[in-house]
Amino acid sequence: MILNAISRIAAVSSLVIGFAVSPAIAAPRYIAVPLDTAAGLASYGTAINASGDVVGNVAPDYAWYGEETRAFRYVGGAMQDLGTLGGPTSGATGISDDGQVAGWSWTADGHTRAFLYSNDSMHDLGTPAGFGAAYGMSPDGQVTGSTGEHTFRYASGVTQDLGTLGGTRSMGYGINQAGDVTGDLWLADGSLRAFIYSGGVMRALGTLGGSVSSGY
């Protein structure tokens, strides 16, 4: 009888302890910290690196999406305006582990160009056809994006056209440290497919039974 009573007490005690520790176990591991943004401006982040540095865009509260935006980098509690390539608007899309930033900017003559922000200066990546935008950056500073019709990859100071796999258009969105690129492309028959570019070869990745796919 006494042993049974002790067993019941132990079971209830275990249950109470379990309930007591559950909230602590379920507590969130992260908290949201708003980035300091000047009054009258809205901001949104687009990428983060291993050190917790953030890049993104700021714009007036009243602006339409993409209108009058400026690329920023947030490091050490301070938001830095990265400027433009001469035009009114820029946007940041990627940051490397050493703090380089990739994105797009208007120029003074109204073109959109891909940029690399490095050594406190914004550099035009020299994409052809008068248009360019960077959409992805690897931790070690390689960049991918689009020239409007073709995917490009930028590494070690060289911008490479990755082509379209015989289709009409391709867009690069993501890149890793091995230099592999993913995005989407329009095949010759007009279908939209995710692709991977690896080892100098571009391959369409198919779908999961639907009509389109895209890689990011």
C-alpha atoms as a PDB file:
ATOM      1  CA  MET A   1       0.000   0.000   0.000  1.00  0.00           C
ATOM      2  CA  ILE A   2       2.740   2.420   1.019  1.00  0.00           C
ATOM      3  CA  LEU A   3       4.785   1.542  -2.080  1.00  0.00           C
ATOM      4  CA  ASN A   4       1.766   2.134  -4.317  1.00  0.00           C
ATOM      5  CA  ALA A   5       1.166   5.524  -2.674  1.00  0.00           C
ATOM      6  CA  ILE A   6       4.812   6.489  -3.149  1.00  0.00           C
ATOM      7  CA  SER A   7       4.620   5.416  -6.803  1.00  0.00           C
ATOM      8  CA  ARG A   8       1.519   7.556  -7.352  1.00  0.00           C
ATOM      9  CA  ILE A   9       3.148  10.574  -5.679  1.00  0.00           C
ATOM     10  CA  ALA A  10       6.288  10.145  -7.805  1.00  0.00           C
ATOM     11  CA  ALA A  11       4.206   9.932 -10.971  1.00  0.00           C
ATOM     12  CA  VAL A  12       2.252  13.109 -10.116  1.00  0.00           C
ATOM     13  CA  SER A  13       5.474  14.916  -9.146  1.00  0.00           C
ATOM     14  CA  SER A  14       7.053  13.980 -12.485  1.00  0.00           C
ATOM     15  CA  LEU A  15       3.991  15.262 -14.328  1.00  0.00           C
ATOM     16  CA  VAL A  16       4.077  18.591 -12.444  1.00  0.00           C
ATOM     17  CA  ILE A  17       7.801  18.997 -13.092  1.00  0.00           C
ATOM     18  CA  GLY A  18       7.199  18.226 -16.766  1.00  0.00           C
ATOM     19  CA  PHE A  19       4.590  20.967 -17.004  1.00  0.00           C
ATOM     20  CA  ALA A  20       6.871  23.360 -15.131  1.00  0.00           C
ATOM     21  CA  VAL A  21       9.790  22.970 -17.516  1.00  0.00           C
ATOM     22  CA  SER A  22       7.795  22.803 -20.746  1.00  0.00           C
ATOM     23  CA  PRO A  23       7.403  26.603 -21.135  1.00  0.00           C
ATOM     24  CA  ALA A  24      11.167  27.061 -20.721  1.00  0.00           C
ATOM     25  CA  ILE A  25      11.877  24.427 -23.364  1.00  0.00           C
ATOM     26  CA  ALA A  26       9.357  25.985 -25.743  1.00  0.00           C
ATOM     27  CA  ALA A  27      10.684  29.547 -25.259  1.00  0.00           C
ATOM     28  CA  PRO A  28      11.847  31.157 -28.542  1.00  0.00           C
ATOM     29  CA  ARG A  29      15.572  30.907 -29.192  1.00  0.00           C
ATOM     30  CA  TYR A  30      15.657  34.168 -31.179  1.00  0.00           C
ATOM     31  CA  ILE A  31      14.152  37.613 -30.782  1.00  0.00           C
ATOM     32  CA  ALA A  32      13.306  40.114 -33.515  1.00  0.00           C
ATOM     33  CA  VAL A  33      15.372  43.306 -33.358  1.00  0.00           C
ATOM     34  CA  PRO A  34      14.162  46.202 -35.548  1.00  0.00           C
ATOM     35  CA  LEU A  35      16.975  47.855 -37.500  1.00  0.00           C
ATOM     36  CA  ASP A  36      17.253  51.574 -36.797  1.00  0.00           C
ATOM     37  CA  THR A  37      15.715  53.386 -39.774  1.00  0.00           C
ATOM     38  CA  ALA A  38      15.489  57.162 -40.159  1.00  0.00           C
ATOM     39  CA  ALA A  39      12.095  58.784 -39.596  1.00  0.00           C
ATOM     40  CA  GLY A  40       9.914  58.834 -42.690  1.00  0.00           C
ATOM     41  CA  LEU A  41      11.629  55.839 -44.251  1.00  0.00           C
ATOM     42  CA  ALA A  42      10.553  52.221 -44.587  1.00  0.00           C
ATOM     43  CA  SER A  43      13.160  49.454 -44.710  1.00  0.00           C
ATOM     44  CA  TYR A  44      13.325  45.774 -45.554  1.00  0.00           C
ATOM     45  CA  GLY A  45      16.185  43.289 -45.415  1.00  0.00           C
ATOM     46  CA  THR A  46      17.078  40.977 -48.284  1.00  0.00           C
ATOM     47  CA  ALA A  47      20.172  39.047 -47.132  1.00  0.00           C
ATOM     48  CA  ILE A  48      22.362  38.310 -44.102  1.00  0.00           C
ATOM     49  CA  ASN A  49      25.877  36.908 -43.708  1.00  0.00           C
ATOM     50  CA  ALA A  50      27.553  34.681 -41.104  1.00  0.00           C
ATOM     51  CA  SER A  51      28.444  37.693 -38.926  1.00  0.00           C
ATOM     52  CA  GLY A  52      24.846  38.920 -38.788  1.00  0.00           C
ATOM     53  CA  ASP A  53      25.433  41.885 -41.105  1.00  0.00           C
ATOM     54  CA  VAL A  54      22.295  42.708 -43.097  1.00  0.00           C
ATOM     55  CA  VAL A  55      21.659  44.305 -46.478  1.00  0.00           C
ATOM     56  CA  GLY A  56      18.427  45.529 -47.971  1.00  0.00           C
ATOM     57  CA  ASN A  57      16.637  48.639 -49.138  1.00  0.00           C
ATOM     58  CA  VAL A  58      15.200  51.802 -47.625  1.00  0.00           C
ATOM     59  CA  ALA A  59      12.541  53.974 -49.249  1.00  0.00           C
ATOM     60  CA  PRO A  60      10.243  56.829 -48.269  1.00  0.00           C
ATOM     61  CA  ASP A  61       7.094  55.592 -46.521  1.00  0.00           C
ATOM     62  CA  TYR A  62       4.979  57.050 -49.308  1.00  0.00           C
ATOM     63  CA  ALA A  63       6.953  55.485 -52.182  1.00  0.00           C
ATOM     64  CA  TRP A  64       5.690  52.699 -54.393  1.00  0.00           C
ATOM     65  CA  TYR A  65       7.635  49.435 -54.285  1.00  0.00           C
ATOM     66  CA  GLY A  66      11.060  50.019 -55.880  1.00  0.00           C
ATOM     67  CA  GLU A  67      10.575  53.774 -56.227  1.00  0.00           C
ATOM     68  CA  GLU A  68      13.340  55.969 -54.749  1.00  0.00           C
ATOM     69  CA  THR A  69      14.872  53.027 -52.915  1.00  0.00           C
ATOM     70  CA  ARG A  70      18.483  52.988 -51.758  1.00  0.00           C
ATOM     71  CA  ALA A  71      20.654  50.004 -50.944  1.00  0.00           C
ATOM     72  CA  PHE A  72      21.872  49.765 -47.347  1.00  0.00           C
ATOM     73  CA  ARG A  73      24.273  47.689 -45.304  1.00  0.00           C
ATOM     74  CA  TYR A  74      23.648  47.302 -41.560  1.00  0.00           C
ATOM     75  CA  VAL A  75      26.847  46.594 -39.610  1.00  0.00           C
ATOM     76  CA  GLY A  76      27.600  47.074 -35.915  1.00  0.00           C
ATOM     77  CA  GLY A  77      24.252  48.681 -35.176  1.00  0.00           C
ATOM     78  CA  ALA A  78      24.527  51.317 -37.910  1.00  0.00           C
ATOM     79  CA  MET A  79      22.720  51.529 -41.256  1.00  0.00           C
ATOM     80  CA  GLN A  80      24.922  52.677 -44.146  1.00  0.00           C
ATOM     81  CA  ASP A  81      23.553  54.131 -47.403  1.00  0.00           C
ATOM     82  CA  LEU A  82      25.558  52.493 -50.214  1.00  0.00           C
ATOM     83  CA  GLY A  83      24.691  55.133 -52.804  1.00  0.00           C
ATOM     84  CA  THR A  84      24.089  54.479 -56.508  1.00  0.00           C
ATOM     85  CA  LEU A  85      25.914  54.289 -59.832  1.00  0.00           C
ATOM     86  CA  GLY A  86      24.775  57.821 -60.651  1.00  0.00           C
ATOM     87  CA  GLY A  87      21.013  57.346 -60.828  1.00  0.00           C
ATOM     88  CA  PRO A  88      18.336  57.890 -58.160  1.00  0.00           C
ATOM     89  CA  THR A  89      17.716  54.284 -57.128  1.00  0.00           C
ATOM     90  CA  SER A  90      19.611  51.199 -55.971  1.00  0.00           C
ATOM     91  CA  GLY A  91      18.883  47.927 -54.198  1.00  0.00           C
ATOM     92  CA  ALA A  92      21.005  45.343 -52.364  1.00  0.00           C
ATOM     93  CA  THR A  93      20.321  41.635 -52.801  1.00  0.00           C
ATOM     94  CA  GLY A  94      23.317  39.775 -51.338  1.00  0.00           C
ATOM     95  CA  ILE A  95      26.205  40.069 -48.883  1.00  0.00           C
ATOM     96  CA  SER A  96      29.361  37.980 -48.544  1.00  0.00           C
ATOM     97  CA  ASP A  97      30.939  36.924 -45.267  1.00  0.00           C
ATOM     98  CA  ASP A  98      33.600  39.653 -45.638  1.00  0.00           C
ATOM     99  CA  GLY A  99      30.965  42.367 -46.117  1.00  0.00           C
ATOM    100  CA  GLN A 100      30.928  42.820 -49.886  1.00  0.00           C
ATOM    101  CA  VAL A 101      27.470  43.622 -51.260  1.00  0.00           C
ATOM    102  CA  ALA A 102      25.799  42.814 -54.588  1.00  0.00           C
ATOM    103  CA  GLY A 103      22.701  44.353 -56.108  1.00  0.00           C
ATOM    104  CA  TRP A 104      21.441  46.677 -58.812  1.00  0.00           C
ATOM    105  CA  SER A 105      21.488  50.405 -59.444  1.00  0.00           C
ATOM    106  CA  TRP A 106      20.232  52.894 -61.959  1.00  0.00           C
ATOM    107  CA  THR A 107      22.864  54.923 -63.792  1.00  0.00           C
ATOM    108  CA  ALA A 108      22.681  58.598 -64.721  1.00  0.00           C
ATOM    109  CA  ASP A 109      21.616  57.683 -68.282  1.00  0.00           C
ATOM    110  CA  GLY A 110      18.670  55.586 -67.047  1.00  0.00           C
ATOM    111  CA  HIS A 111      20.113  52.078 -67.365  1.00  0.00           C
ATOM    112  CA  THR A 112      20.003  49.431 -64.640  1.00  0.00           C
ATOM    113  CA  ARG A 113      23.336  47.799 -63.848  1.00  0.00           C
ATOM    114  CA  ALA A 114      24.561  45.060 -61.535  1.00  0.00           C
ATOM    115  CA  PHE A 115      26.965  46.297 -58.868  1.00  0.00           C
ATOM    116  CA  LEU A 116      29.498  45.011 -56.377  1.00  0.00           C
ATOM    117  CA  TYR A 117      30.076  47.194 -53.321  1.00  0.00           C
ATOM    118  CA  SER A 118      33.615  46.614 -52.085  1.00  0.00           C
ATOM    119  CA  ASN A 119      36.289  48.717 -50.339  1.00  0.00           C
ATOM    120  CA  ASP A 120      33.695  51.433 -49.570  1.00  0.00           C
ATOM    121  CA  SER A 121      32.863  51.940 -53.235  1.00  0.00           C
ATOM    122  CA  MET A 122      30.160  50.753 -55.654  1.00  0.00           C
ATOM    123  CA  HIS A 123      31.493  49.148 -58.843  1.00  0.00           C
ATOM    124  CA  ASP A 124      29.617  48.421 -62.082  1.00  0.00           C
ATOM    125  CA  LEU A 125      30.048  44.719 -62.902  1.00  0.00           C
ATOM    126  CA  GLY A 126      30.157  45.488 -66.612  1.00  0.00           C
ATOM    127  CA  THR A 127      27.269  43.312 -67.730  1.00  0.00           C
ATOM    128  CA  PRO A 128      26.558  43.611 -71.473  1.00  0.00           C
ATOM    129  CA  ALA A 129      23.482  44.850 -73.335  1.00  0.00           C
ATOM    130  CA  GLY A 130      23.110  47.987 -71.223  1.00  0.00           C
ATOM    131  CA  PHE A 131      21.229  46.158 -68.469  1.00  0.00           C
ATOM    132  CA  GLY A 132      22.185  44.121 -65.440  1.00  0.00           C
ATOM    133  CA  ALA A 133      20.992  43.182 -61.968  1.00  0.00           C
ATOM    134  CA  ALA A 134      22.637  40.977 -59.344  1.00  0.00           C
ATOM    135  CA  TYR A 135      20.252  38.674 -57.470  1.00  0.00           C
ATOM    136  CA  GLY A 136      22.510  36.289 -55.551  1.00  0.00           C
ATOM    137  CA  MET A 137      25.884  36.279 -53.796  1.00  0.00           C
ATOM    138  CA  SER A 138      27.905  33.443 -52.311  1.00  0.00           C
ATOM    139  CA  PRO A 139      29.602  33.639 -48.888  1.00  0.00           C
ATOM    140  CA  ASP A 140      32.975  34.110 -50.604  1.00  0.00           C
ATOM    141  CA  GLY A 141      31.828  36.958 -52.883  1.00  0.00           C
ATOM    142  CA  GLN A 142      30.802  35.357 -56.179  1.00  0.00           C
ATOM    143  CA  VAL A 143      27.762  36.946 -57.801  1.00  0.00           C
ATOM    144  CA  THR A 144      24.978  35.857 -60.141  1.00  0.00           C
ATOM    145  CA  GLY A 145      22.145  37.726 -61.803  1.00  0.00           C
ATOM    146  CA  SER A 146      20.783  38.643 -65.188  1.00  0.00           C
ATOM    147  CA  THR A 147      21.709  40.815 -68.143  1.00  0.00           C
ATOM    148  CA  GLY A 148      18.047  40.913 -69.122  1.00  0.00           C
ATOM    149  CA  GLU A 149      18.287  37.890 -71.413  1.00  0.00           C
ATOM    150  CA  HIS A 150      21.122  35.765 -70.017  1.00  0.00           C
ATOM    151  CA  THR A 151      22.339  34.635 -66.593  1.00  0.00           C
ATOM    152  CA  PHE A 152      25.787  35.857 -65.605  1.00  0.00           C
ATOM    153  CA  ARG A 153      28.309  34.764 -62.995  1.00  0.00           C
ATOM    154  CA  TYR A 154      30.910  37.149 -61.585  1.00  0.00           C
ATOM    155  CA  ALA A 155      34.023  35.736 -59.919  1.00  0.00           C
ATOM    156  CA  SER A 156      37.616  36.943 -59.484  1.00  0.00           C
ATOM    157  CA  GLY A 157      36.985  40.091 -61.493  1.00  0.00           C
ATOM    158  CA  VAL A 158      35.486  38.310 -64.513  1.00  0.00           C
ATOM    159  CA  THR A 159      31.839  38.446 -65.660  1.00  0.00           C
ATOM    160  CA  GLN A 160      30.818  35.266 -67.503  1.00  0.00           C
ATOM    161  CA  ASP A 161      27.709  34.795 -69.663  1.00  0.00           C
ATOM    162  CA  LEU A 162      26.150  31.418 -68.776  1.00  0.00           C
ATOM    163  CA  GLY A 163      23.767  31.328 -71.728  1.00  0.00           C
ATOM    164  CA  THR A 164      20.201  30.034 -71.953  1.00  0.00           C
ATOM    165  CA  LEU A 165      20.476  26.305 -72.802  1.00  0.00           C
ATOM    166  CA  GLY A 166      19.114  27.082 -76.264  1.00  0.00           C
ATOM    167  CA  GLY A 167      16.070  28.887 -74.928  1.00  0.00           C
ATOM    168  CA  THR A 168      15.080  32.526 -75.052  1.00  0.00           C
ATOM    169  CA  ARG A 169      16.050  33.778 -71.594  1.00  0.00           C
ATOM    170  CA  SER A 170      17.609  32.822 -68.257  1.00  0.00           C
ATOM    171  CA  MET A 171      17.864  34.432 -64.813  1.00  0.00           C
ATOM    172  CA  GLY A 172      20.368  33.514 -62.067  1.00  0.00           C
ATOM    173  CA  TYR A 173      19.107  33.823 -58.475  1.00  0.00           C
ATOM    174  CA  GLY A 174      21.407  31.753 -56.257  1.00  0.00           C
ATOM    175  CA  ILE A 175      25.101  30.834 -56.158  1.00  0.00           C
ATOM    176  CA  ASN A 176      27.281  28.793 -53.775  1.00  0.00           C
ATOM    177  CA  GLN A 177      30.990  28.815 -52.959  1.00  0.00           C
ATOM    178  CA  ALA A 178      31.679  26.185 -55.625  1.00  0.00           C
ATOM    179  CA  GLY A 179      30.348  28.624 -58.215  1.00  0.00           C
ATOM    180  CA  ASP A 180      27.248  26.552 -58.974  1.00  0.00           C
ATOM    181  CA  VAL A 181      24.335  28.747 -60.065  1.00  0.00           C
ATOM    182  CA  THR A 182      20.587  28.174 -59.983  1.00  0.00           C
ATOM    183  CA  GLY A 183      17.665  30.161 -61.339  1.00  0.00           C
ATOM    184  CA  ASP A 184      15.125  29.703 -64.087  1.00  0.00           C
ATOM    185  CA  LEU A 185      15.108  29.684 -67.878  1.00  0.00           C
ATOM    186  CA  TRP A 186      12.635  29.739 -70.726  1.00  0.00           C
ATOM    187  CA  LEU A 187      13.250  26.731 -72.960  1.00  0.00           C
ATOM    188  CA  ALA A 188      12.846  26.807 -76.736  1.00  0.00           C
ATOM    189  CA  ASP A 189       9.276  25.479 -76.407  1.00  0.00           C
ATOM    190  CA  GLY A 190       8.350  28.380 -74.091  1.00  0.00           C
ATOM    191  CA  SER A 191       8.231  26.388 -70.844  1.00  0.00           C
ATOM    192  CA  LEU A 192       9.772  27.795 -67.636  1.00  0.00           C
ATOM    193  CA  ARG A 193      12.190  25.507 -65.786  1.00  0.00           C
ATOM    194  CA  ALA A 194      14.578  25.661 -62.840  1.00  0.00           C
ATOM    195  CA  PHE A 195      18.198  25.087 -63.818  1.00  0.00           C
ATOM    196  CA  ILE A 196      21.546  24.369 -62.274  1.00  0.00           C
ATOM    197  CA  TYR A 197      24.843  25.480 -63.797  1.00  0.00           C
ATOM    198  CA  SER A 198      27.698  23.325 -62.515  1.00  0.00           C
ATOM    199  CA  GLY A 199      31.029  22.222 -63.938  1.00  0.00           C
ATOM    200  CA  GLY A 200      30.535  24.439 -66.977  1.00  0.00           C
ATOM    201  CA  VAL A 201      27.221  22.787 -67.907  1.00  0.00           C
ATOM    202  CA  MET A 202      23.660  24.151 -67.571  1.00  0.00           C
ATOM    203  CA  ARG A 203      20.894  21.601 -66.915  1.00  0.00           C
ATOM    204  CA  ALA A 204      17.131  22.062 -66.668  1.00  0.00           C
ATOM    205  CA  LEU A 205      15.796  20.469 -63.455  1.00  0.00           C
ATOM    206  CA  GLY A 206      12.297  19.574 -64.583  1.00  0.00           C
ATOM    207  CA  THR A 207       9.205  19.933 -62.365  1.00  0.00           C
ATOM    208  CA  LEU A 208       7.317  17.968 -59.722  1.00  0.00           C
ATOM    209  CA  GLY A 209       4.593  17.180 -62.233  1.00  0.00           C
ATOM    210  CA  GLY A 210       3.406  20.753 -62.750  1.00  0.00           C
ATOM    211  CA  SER A 211       4.005  23.127 -65.630  1.00  0.00           C
ATOM    212  CA  VAL A 212       6.757  25.410 -64.236  1.00  0.00           C
ATOM    213  CA  SER A 213       9.687  25.420 -61.780  1.00  0.00           C
ATOM    214  CA  SER A 214      12.252  27.937 -60.564  1.00  0.00           C
ATOM    215  CA  GLY A 215      15.474  27.692 -58.523  1.00  0.00           C
ATOM    216  CA  TYR A 216      16.519  30.151 -55.807  1.00  0.00           C
END
